[in-house]
Amino acid sequence: MANSEKSIELLAFGRALRNLRKEKKLTQDELSLYSRVDRSYISELENGEKAPSLLTITALARALHVKPSALIEDYEREMKLDT
């Protein structure tokens, strides 16, 4: 995968995470507390700087009270993928 493609995908996941976090009216600090994922790492995810592991996606989803698939579905919408 080319770096530009990876960046686009990471940015799309970051937008999906940020949108869902804001929809749930949570700050990055609150999401960090509830998910036990470091706040700076959440910021890096939202800014498309890091790629989350499955365990991280699961922890974030639990803290957001959604299924992990909800994060992926939002990512797919951001990427405008047909599934």
PDB file of N, CA and C in Angstrom:
ATOM      1  N   MET A   1       0.851  -1.181   0.000  1.00  0.00           N
ATOM      2  CA  MET A   1       0.000   0.000   0.000  1.00  0.00           C
ATOM      3  C   MET A   1       0.891   1.237   0.000  1.00  0.00           C
ATOM      4  N   ALA A   2       0.616   2.155  -0.871  1.00  0.00           N
ATOM      5  CA  ALA A   2       1.392   3.392  -0.957  1.00  0.00           C
ATOM      6  C   ALA A   2       1.134   4.255   0.264  1.00  0.00           C
ATOM      7  N   ASN A   3       2.122   5.086   0.601  1.00  0.00           N
ATOM      8  CA  ASN A   3       1.978   5.958   1.774  1.00  0.00           C
ATOM      9  C   ASN A   3       0.780   6.875   1.667  1.00  0.00           C
ATOM     10  N   SER A   4       0.496   7.401   0.458  1.00  0.00           N
ATOM     11  CA  SER A   4      -0.649   8.301   0.319  1.00  0.00           C
ATOM     12  C   SER A   4      -1.964   7.570   0.549  1.00  0.00           C
ATOM     13  N   GLU A   5      -2.060   6.309   0.087  1.00  0.00           N
ATOM     14  CA  GLU A   5      -3.274   5.517   0.335  1.00  0.00           C
ATOM     15  C   GLU A   5      -3.426   5.250   1.818  1.00  0.00           C
ATOM     16  N   LYS A   6      -2.330   4.905   2.465  1.00  0.00           N
ATOM     17  CA  LYS A   6      -2.376   4.637   3.905  1.00  0.00           C
ATOM     18  C   LYS A   6      -2.813   5.891   4.645  1.00  0.00           C
ATOM     19  N   SER A   7      -2.274   7.023   4.259  1.00  0.00           N
ATOM     20  CA  SER A   7      -2.634   8.275   4.924  1.00  0.00           C
ATOM     21  C   SER A   7      -4.120   8.573   4.760  1.00  0.00           C
ATOM     22  N   ILE A   8      -4.652   8.355   3.569  1.00  0.00           N
ATOM     23  CA  ILE A   8      -6.075   8.603   3.325  1.00  0.00           C
ATOM     24  C   ILE A   8      -6.923   7.693   4.208  1.00  0.00           C
ATOM     25  N   GLU A   9      -6.543   6.440   4.316  1.00  0.00           N
ATOM     26  CA  GLU A   9      -7.298   5.500   5.146  1.00  0.00           C
ATOM     27  C   GLU A   9      -7.206   5.856   6.627  1.00  0.00           C
ATOM     28  N   LEU A  10      -6.016   6.225   7.073  1.00  0.00           N
ATOM     29  CA  LEU A  10      -5.857   6.602   8.480  1.00  0.00           C
ATOM     30  C   LEU A  10      -6.635   7.880   8.791  1.00  0.00           C
ATOM     31  N   LEU A  11      -6.619   8.829   7.870  1.00  0.00           N
ATOM     32  CA  LEU A  11      -7.401  10.054   8.063  1.00  0.00           C
ATOM     33  C   LEU A  11      -8.891   9.750   8.115  1.00  0.00           C
ATOM     34  N   ALA A  12      -9.357   8.831   7.274  1.00  0.00           N
ATOM     35  CA  ALA A  12     -10.777   8.466   7.270  1.00  0.00           C
ATOM     36  C   ALA A  12     -11.164   7.801   8.589  1.00  0.00           C
ATOM     37  N   PHE A  13     -10.319   6.903   9.097  1.00  0.00           N
ATOM     38  CA  PHE A  13     -10.620   6.284  10.394  1.00  0.00           C
ATOM     39  C   PHE A  13     -10.626   7.351  11.484  1.00  0.00           C
ATOM     40  N   GLY A  14      -9.666   8.263  11.434  1.00  0.00           N
ATOM     41  CA  GLY A  14      -9.596   9.327  12.429  1.00  0.00           C
ATOM     42  C   GLY A  14     -10.840  10.197  12.439  1.00  0.00           C
ATOM     43  N   ARG A  15     -11.332  10.539  11.244  1.00  0.00           N
ATOM     44  CA  ARG A  15     -12.575  11.329  11.164  1.00  0.00           C
ATOM     45  C   ARG A  15     -13.751  10.548  11.732  1.00  0.00           C
ATOM     46  N   ALA A  16     -13.800   9.251  11.426  1.00  0.00           N
ATOM     47  CA  ALA A  16     -14.889   8.416  11.939  1.00  0.00           C
ATOM     48  C   ALA A  16     -14.855   8.366  13.461  1.00  0.00           C
ATOM     49  N   LEU A  17     -13.669   8.183  14.023  1.00  0.00           N
ATOM     50  CA  LEU A  17     -13.529   8.132  15.479  1.00  0.00           C
ATOM     51  C   LEU A  17     -13.915   9.473  16.100  1.00  0.00           C
ATOM     52  N   ARG A  18     -13.412  10.557  15.553  1.00  0.00           N
ATOM     53  CA  ARG A  18     -13.718  11.890  16.091  1.00  0.00           C
ATOM     54  C   ARG A  18     -15.221  12.175  16.018  1.00  0.00           C
ATOM     55  N   ASN A  19     -15.833  11.857  14.880  1.00  0.00           N
ATOM     56  CA  ASN A  19     -17.269  12.106  14.731  1.00  0.00           C
ATOM     57  C   ASN A  19     -18.083  11.320  15.752  1.00  0.00           C
ATOM     58  N   LEU A  20     -17.731  10.065  15.955  1.00  0.00           N
ATOM     59  CA  LEU A  20     -18.461   9.232  16.910  1.00  0.00           C
ATOM     60  C   LEU A  20     -18.230   9.727  18.338  1.00  0.00           C
ATOM     61  N   ARG A  21     -16.996  10.117  18.649  1.00  0.00           N
ATOM     62  CA  ARG A  21     -16.694  10.646  19.986  1.00  0.00           C
ATOM     63  C   ARG A  21     -17.511  11.907  20.242  1.00  0.00           C
ATOM     64  N   LYS A  22     -17.550  12.802  19.272  1.00  0.00           N
ATOM     65  CA  LYS A  22     -18.305  14.049  19.449  1.00  0.00           C
ATOM     66  C   LYS A  22     -19.802  13.785  19.502  1.00  0.00           C
ATOM     67  N   GLU A  23     -20.266  12.821  18.716  1.00  0.00           N
ATOM     68  CA  GLU A  23     -21.686  12.440  18.753  1.00  0.00           C
ATOM     69  C   GLU A  23     -22.078  11.983  20.155  1.00  0.00           C
ATOM     70  N   LYS A  24     -21.143  11.292  20.824  1.00  0.00           N
ATOM     71  CA  LYS A  24     -21.388  10.810  22.190  1.00  0.00           C
ATOM     72  C   LYS A  24     -21.080  11.882  23.235  1.00  0.00           C
ATOM     73  N   LYS A  25     -20.698  13.081  22.757  1.00  0.00           N
ATOM     74  CA  LYS A  25     -20.409  14.233  23.623  1.00  0.00           C
ATOM     75  C   LYS A  25     -19.293  13.935  24.630  1.00  0.00           C
ATOM     76  N   LEU A  26     -18.236  13.303  24.131  1.00  0.00           N
ATOM     77  CA  LEU A  26     -17.079  12.984  24.965  1.00  0.00           C
ATOM     78  C   LEU A  26     -15.869  13.789  24.511  1.00  0.00           C
ATOM     79  N   THR A  27     -15.051  14.181  25.467  1.00  0.00           N
ATOM     80  CA  THR A  27     -13.764  14.780  25.147  1.00  0.00           C
ATOM     81  C   THR A  27     -12.759  13.653  24.930  1.00  0.00           C
ATOM     82  N   GLN A  28     -11.606  13.992  24.383  1.00  0.00           N
ATOM     83  CA  GLN A  28     -10.549  12.981  24.253  1.00  0.00           C
ATOM     84  C   GLN A  28     -10.143  12.473  25.633  1.00  0.00           C
ATOM     85  N   ASP A  29     -10.102  13.357  26.617  1.00  0.00           N
ATOM     86  CA  ASP A  29      -9.739  12.938  27.976  1.00  0.00           C
ATOM     87  C   ASP A  29     -10.740  11.919  28.527  1.00  0.00           C
ATOM     88  N   GLU A  30     -12.026  12.172  28.315  1.00  0.00           N
ATOM     89  CA  GLU A  30     -13.046  11.241  28.806  1.00  0.00           C
ATOM     90  C   GLU A  30     -12.954   9.906  28.079  1.00  0.00           C
ATOM     91  N   LEU A  31     -12.789   9.944  26.756  1.00  0.00           N
ATOM     92  CA  LEU A  31     -12.661   8.700  26.007  1.00  0.00           C
ATOM     93  C   LEU A  31     -11.427   7.927  26.464  1.00  0.00           C
ATOM     94  N   SER A  32     -10.370   8.634  26.750  1.00  0.00           N
ATOM     95  CA  SER A  32      -9.153   7.997  27.264  1.00  0.00           C
ATOM     96  C   SER A  32      -9.419   7.304  28.595  1.00  0.00           C
ATOM     97  N   LEU A  33     -10.093   7.993  29.480  1.00  0.00           N
ATOM     98  CA  LEU A  33     -10.415   7.433  30.796  1.00  0.00           C
ATOM     99  C   LEU A  33     -11.268   6.171  30.667  1.00  0.00           C
ATOM    100  N   TYR A  34     -12.317   6.233  29.847  1.00  0.00           N
ATOM    101  CA  TYR A  34     -13.249   5.107  29.713  1.00  0.00           C
ATOM    102  C   TYR A  34     -12.660   3.940  28.927  1.00  0.00           C
ATOM    103  N   SER A  35     -11.772   4.231  27.977  1.00  0.00           N
ATOM    104  CA  SER A  35     -11.219   3.168  27.130  1.00  0.00           C
ATOM    105  C   SER A  35      -9.872   2.648  27.623  1.00  0.00           C
ATOM    106  N   ARG A  36      -9.231   3.423  28.493  1.00  0.00           N
ATOM    107  CA  ARG A  36      -7.875   3.116  28.946  1.00  0.00           C
ATOM    108  C   ARG A  36      -6.873   3.160  27.792  1.00  0.00           C
ATOM    109  N   VAL A  37      -7.177   3.999  26.817  1.00  0.00           N
ATOM    110  CA  VAL A  37      -6.266   4.285  25.711  1.00  0.00           C
ATOM    111  C   VAL A  37      -5.726   5.690  25.968  1.00  0.00           C
ATOM    112  N   ASP A  38      -4.419   5.852  25.910  1.00  0.00           N
ATOM    113  CA  ASP A  38      -3.793   7.135  26.207  1.00  0.00           C
ATOM    114  C   ASP A  38      -4.395   8.258  25.359  1.00  0.00           C
ATOM    115  N   ARG A  39      -4.626   9.409  25.976  1.00  0.00           N
ATOM    116  CA  ARG A  39      -5.246  10.526  25.283  1.00  0.00           C
ATOM    117  C   ARG A  39      -4.416  10.978  24.089  1.00  0.00           C
ATOM    118  N   SER A  40      -3.102  10.990  24.229  1.00  0.00           N
ATOM    119  CA  SER A  40      -2.270  11.422  23.107  1.00  0.00           C
ATOM    120  C   SER A  40      -2.368  10.439  21.942  1.00  0.00           C
ATOM    121  N   TYR A  41      -2.572   9.155  22.237  1.00  0.00           N
ATOM    122  CA  TYR A  41      -2.738   8.160  21.177  1.00  0.00           C
ATOM    123  C   TYR A  41      -4.087   8.356  20.472  1.00  0.00           C
ATOM    124  N   ILE A  42      -5.119   8.687  21.239  1.00  0.00           N
ATOM    125  CA  ILE A  42      -6.423   8.993  20.641  1.00  0.00           C
ATOM    126  C   ILE A  42      -6.280  10.184  19.701  1.00  0.00           C
ATOM    127  N   SER A  43      -5.546  11.201  20.120  1.00  0.00           N
ATOM    128  CA  SER A  43      -5.304  12.360  19.270  1.00  0.00           C
ATOM    129  C   SER A  43      -4.584  11.949  17.990  1.00  0.00           C
ATOM    130  N   GLU A  44      -3.571  11.107  18.110  1.00  0.00           N
ATOM    131  CA  GLU A  44      -2.840  10.631  16.933  1.00  0.00           C
ATOM    132  C   GLU A  44      -3.748   9.829  16.000  1.00  0.00           C
ATOM    133  N   LEU A  45      -4.638   9.020  16.573  1.00  0.00           N
ATOM    134  CA  LEU A  45      -5.592   8.272  15.750  1.00  0.00           C
ATOM    135  C   LEU A  45      -6.508   9.232  15.006  1.00  0.00           C
ATOM    136  N   GLU A  46      -7.059  10.196  15.717  1.00  0.00           N
ATOM    137  CA  GLU A  46      -7.999  11.138  15.112  1.00  0.00           C
ATOM    138  C   GLU A  46      -7.336  11.999  14.040  1.00  0.00           C
ATOM    139  N   ASN A  47      -6.042  12.213  14.155  1.00  0.00           N
ATOM    140  CA  ASN A  47      -5.308  13.015  13.176  1.00  0.00           C
ATOM    141  C   ASN A  47      -4.690  12.173  12.061  1.00  0.00           C
ATOM    142  N   GLY A  48      -4.982  10.872  12.062  1.00  0.00           N
ATOM    143  CA  GLY A  48      -4.490  10.001  11.005  1.00  0.00           C
ATOM    144  C   GLY A  48      -3.009   9.714  11.073  1.00  0.00           C
ATOM    145  N   GLU A  49      -2.430   9.853  12.251  1.00  0.00           N
ATOM    146  CA  GLU A  49      -0.995   9.640  12.416  1.00  0.00           C
ATOM    147  C   GLU A  49      -0.645   8.214  12.812  1.00  0.00           C
ATOM    148  N   LYS A  50      -1.594   7.481  13.353  1.00  0.00           N
ATOM    149  CA  LYS A  50      -1.364   6.107  13.815  1.00  0.00           C
ATOM    150  C   LYS A  50      -2.474   5.203  13.308  1.00  0.00           C
ATOM    151  N   ALA A  51      -2.154   3.921  13.201  1.00  0.00           N
ATOM    152  CA  ALA A  51      -3.140   2.904  12.811  1.00  0.00           C
ATOM    153  C   ALA A  51      -3.517   2.108  14.057  1.00  0.00           C
ATOM    154  N   PRO A  52      -4.808   1.984  14.350  1.00  0.00           N
ATOM    155  CA  PRO A  52      -5.223   1.271  15.562  1.00  0.00           C
ATOM    156  C   PRO A  52      -5.150  -0.244  15.385  1.00  0.00           C
ATOM    157  N   SER A  53      -4.873  -0.925  16.479  1.00  0.00           N
ATOM    158  CA  SER A  53      -4.953  -2.385  16.482  1.00  0.00           C
ATOM    159  C   SER A  53      -6.401  -2.795  16.733  1.00  0.00           C
ATOM    160  N   LEU A  54      -6.675  -4.058  16.531  1.00  0.00           N
ATOM    161  CA  LEU A  54      -8.013  -4.584  16.809  1.00  0.00           C
ATOM    162  C   LEU A  54      -8.365  -4.382  18.280  1.00  0.00           C
ATOM    163  N   LEU A  55      -7.402  -4.584  19.163  1.00  0.00           N
ATOM    164  CA  LEU A  55      -7.660  -4.398  20.599  1.00  0.00           C
ATOM    165  C   LEU A  55      -8.002  -2.938  20.916  1.00  0.00           C
ATOM    166  N   THR A  56      -7.338  -2.017  20.240  1.00  0.00           N
ATOM    167  CA  THR A  56      -7.632  -0.597  20.451  1.00  0.00           C
ATOM    168  C   THR A  56      -9.015  -0.250  19.931  1.00  0.00           C
ATOM    169  N   ILE A  57      -9.356  -0.735  18.749  1.00  0.00           N
ATOM    170  CA  ILE A  57     -10.690  -0.495  18.200  1.00  0.00           C
ATOM    171  C   ILE A  57     -11.750  -1.025  19.157  1.00  0.00           C
ATOM    172  N   THR A  58     -11.526  -2.210  19.697  1.00  0.00           N
ATOM    173  CA  THR A  58     -12.477  -2.812  20.629  1.00  0.00           C
ATOM    174  C   THR A  58     -12.610  -1.983  21.905  1.00  0.00           C
ATOM    175  N   ALA A  59     -11.492  -1.533  22.450  1.00  0.00           N
ATOM    176  CA  ALA A  59     -11.524  -0.721  23.676  1.00  0.00           C
ATOM    177  C   ALA A  59     -12.254   0.595  23.440  1.00  0.00           C
ATOM    178  N   LEU A  60     -11.990   1.239  22.306  1.00  0.00           N
ATOM    179  CA  LEU A  60     -12.657   2.498  21.990  1.00  0.00           C
ATOM    180  C   LEU A  60     -14.153   2.283  21.793  1.00  0.00           C
ATOM    181  N   ALA A  61     -14.505   1.222  21.090  1.00  0.00           N
ATOM    182  CA  ALA A  61     -15.925   0.932  20.853  1.00  0.00           C
ATOM    183  C   ALA A  61     -16.666   0.698  22.168  1.00  0.00           C
ATOM    184  N   ARG A  62     -16.068  -0.065  23.058  1.00  0.00           N
ATOM    185  CA  ARG A  62     -16.712  -0.299  24.364  1.00  0.00           C
ATOM    186  C   ARG A  62     -16.944   1.020  25.096  1.00  0.00           C
ATOM    187  N   ALA A  63     -15.928   1.872  25.080  1.00  0.00           N
ATOM    188  CA  ALA A  63     -16.041   3.161  25.774  1.00  0.00           C
ATOM    189  C   ALA A  63     -17.098   4.047  25.131  1.00  0.00           C
ATOM    190  N   LEU A  64     -17.299   3.893  23.834  1.00  0.00           N
ATOM    191  CA  LEU A  64     -18.297   4.679  23.109  1.00  0.00           C
ATOM    192  C   LEU A  64     -19.677   4.015  23.116  1.00  0.00           C
ATOM    193  N   HIS A  65     -19.763   2.832  23.713  1.00  0.00           N
ATOM    194  CA  HIS A  65     -21.016   2.063  23.790  1.00  0.00           C
ATOM    195  C   HIS A  65     -21.564   1.731  22.407  1.00  0.00           C
ATOM    196  N   VAL A  66     -20.656   1.301  21.537  1.00  0.00           N
ATOM    197  CA  VAL A  66     -21.036   0.839  20.201  1.00  0.00           C
ATOM    198  C   VAL A  66     -20.287  -0.458  19.915  1.00  0.00           C
ATOM    199  N   LYS A  67     -20.734  -1.168  18.902  1.00  0.00           N
ATOM    200  CA  LYS A  67     -20.012  -2.348  18.449  1.00  0.00           C
ATOM    201  C   LYS A  67     -18.775  -1.890  17.686  1.00  0.00           C
ATOM    202  N   PRO A  68     -17.703  -2.679  17.725  1.00  0.00           N
ATOM    203  CA  PRO A  68     -16.527  -2.319  16.922  1.00  0.00           C
ATOM    204  C   PRO A  68     -16.881  -2.099  15.447  1.00  0.00           C
ATOM    205  N   SER A  69     -17.851  -2.845  14.962  1.00  0.00           N
ATOM    206  CA  SER A  69     -18.249  -2.692  13.560  1.00  0.00           C
ATOM    207  C   SER A  69     -18.790  -1.294  13.268  1.00  0.00           C
ATOM    208  N   ALA A  70     -19.319  -0.609  14.276  1.00  0.00           N
ATOM    209  CA  ALA A  70     -19.818   0.753  14.063  1.00  0.00           C
ATOM    210  C   ALA A  70     -18.677   1.683  13.666  1.00  0.00           C
ATOM    211  N   LEU A  71     -17.517   1.509  14.284  1.00  0.00           N
ATOM    212  CA  LEU A  71     -16.350   2.315  13.913  1.00  0.00           C
ATOM    213  C   LEU A  71     -15.926   2.018  12.478  1.00  0.00           C
ATOM    214  N   ILE A  72     -15.949   0.748  12.122  1.00  0.00           N
ATOM    215  CA  ILE A  72     -15.555   0.346  10.772  1.00  0.00           C
ATOM    216  C   ILE A  72     -16.575   0.854   9.753  1.00  0.00           C
ATOM    217  N   GLU A  73     -17.860   0.774  10.076  1.00  0.00           N
ATOM    218  CA  GLU A  73     -18.896   1.274   9.165  1.00  0.00           C
ATOM    219  C   GLU A  73     -18.738   2.783   8.945  1.00  0.00           C
ATOM    220  N   ASP A  74     -18.441   3.501  10.024  1.00  0.00           N
ATOM    221  CA  ASP A  74     -18.225   4.947   9.882  1.00  0.00           C
ATOM    222  C   ASP A  74     -16.983   5.221   9.039  1.00  0.00           C
ATOM    223  N   TYR A  75     -15.936   4.420   9.243  1.00  0.00           N
ATOM    224  CA  TYR A  75     -14.727   4.529   8.419  1.00  0.00           C
ATOM    225  C   TYR A  75     -15.075   4.288   6.947  1.00  0.00           C
ATOM    226  N   GLU A  76     -15.873   3.254   6.674  1.00  0.00           N
ATOM    227  CA  GLU A  76     -16.258   2.952   5.296  1.00  0.00           C
ATOM    228  C   GLU A  76     -17.029   4.112   4.677  1.00  0.00           C
ATOM    229  N   ARG A  77     -17.897   4.749   5.459  1.00  0.00           N
ATOM    230  CA  ARG A  77     -18.630   5.916   4.960  1.00  0.00           C
ATOM    231  C   ARG A  77     -17.664   7.049   4.634  1.00  0.00           C
ATOM    232  N   GLU A  78     -16.687   7.246   5.514  1.00  0.00           N
ATOM    233  CA  GLU A  78     -15.693   8.304   5.277  1.00  0.00           C
ATOM    234  C   GLU A  78     -14.889   8.010   4.005  1.00  0.00           C
ATOM    235  N   MET A  79     -14.614   6.735   3.749  1.00  0.00           N
ATOM    236  CA  MET A  79     -13.867   6.317   2.554  1.00  0.00           C
ATOM    237  C   MET A  79     -14.777   6.175   1.350  1.00  0.00           C
ATOM    238  N   LYS A  80     -16.101   6.209   1.590  1.00  0.00           N
ATOM    239  CA  LYS A  80     -17.107   6.017   0.547  1.00  0.00           C
ATOM    240  C   LYS A  80     -16.905   4.684  -0.155  1.00  0.00           C
ATOM    241  N   LEU A  81     -16.719   3.629   0.683  1.00  0.00           N
ATOM    242  CA  LEU A  81     -16.527   2.273   0.172  1.00  0.00           C
ATOM    243  C   LEU A  81     -17.852   1.589  -0.023  1.00  0.00           C
ATOM    244  N   ASP A  82     -17.983   0.838  -1.070  1.00  0.00           N
ATOM    245  CA  ASP A  82     -19.149  -0.006  -1.280  1.00  0.00           C
ATOM    246  C   ASP A  82     -18.872  -1.353  -0.644  1.00  0.00           C
ATOM    247  N   THR A  83     -19.801  -1.780   0.217  1.00  0.00           N
ATOM    248  CA  THR A  83     -19.614  -3.091   0.866  1.00  0.00           C
ATOM    249  C   THR A  83     -20.783  -3.977   0.570  1.00  0.00           C
TER     250      THR A  83
END
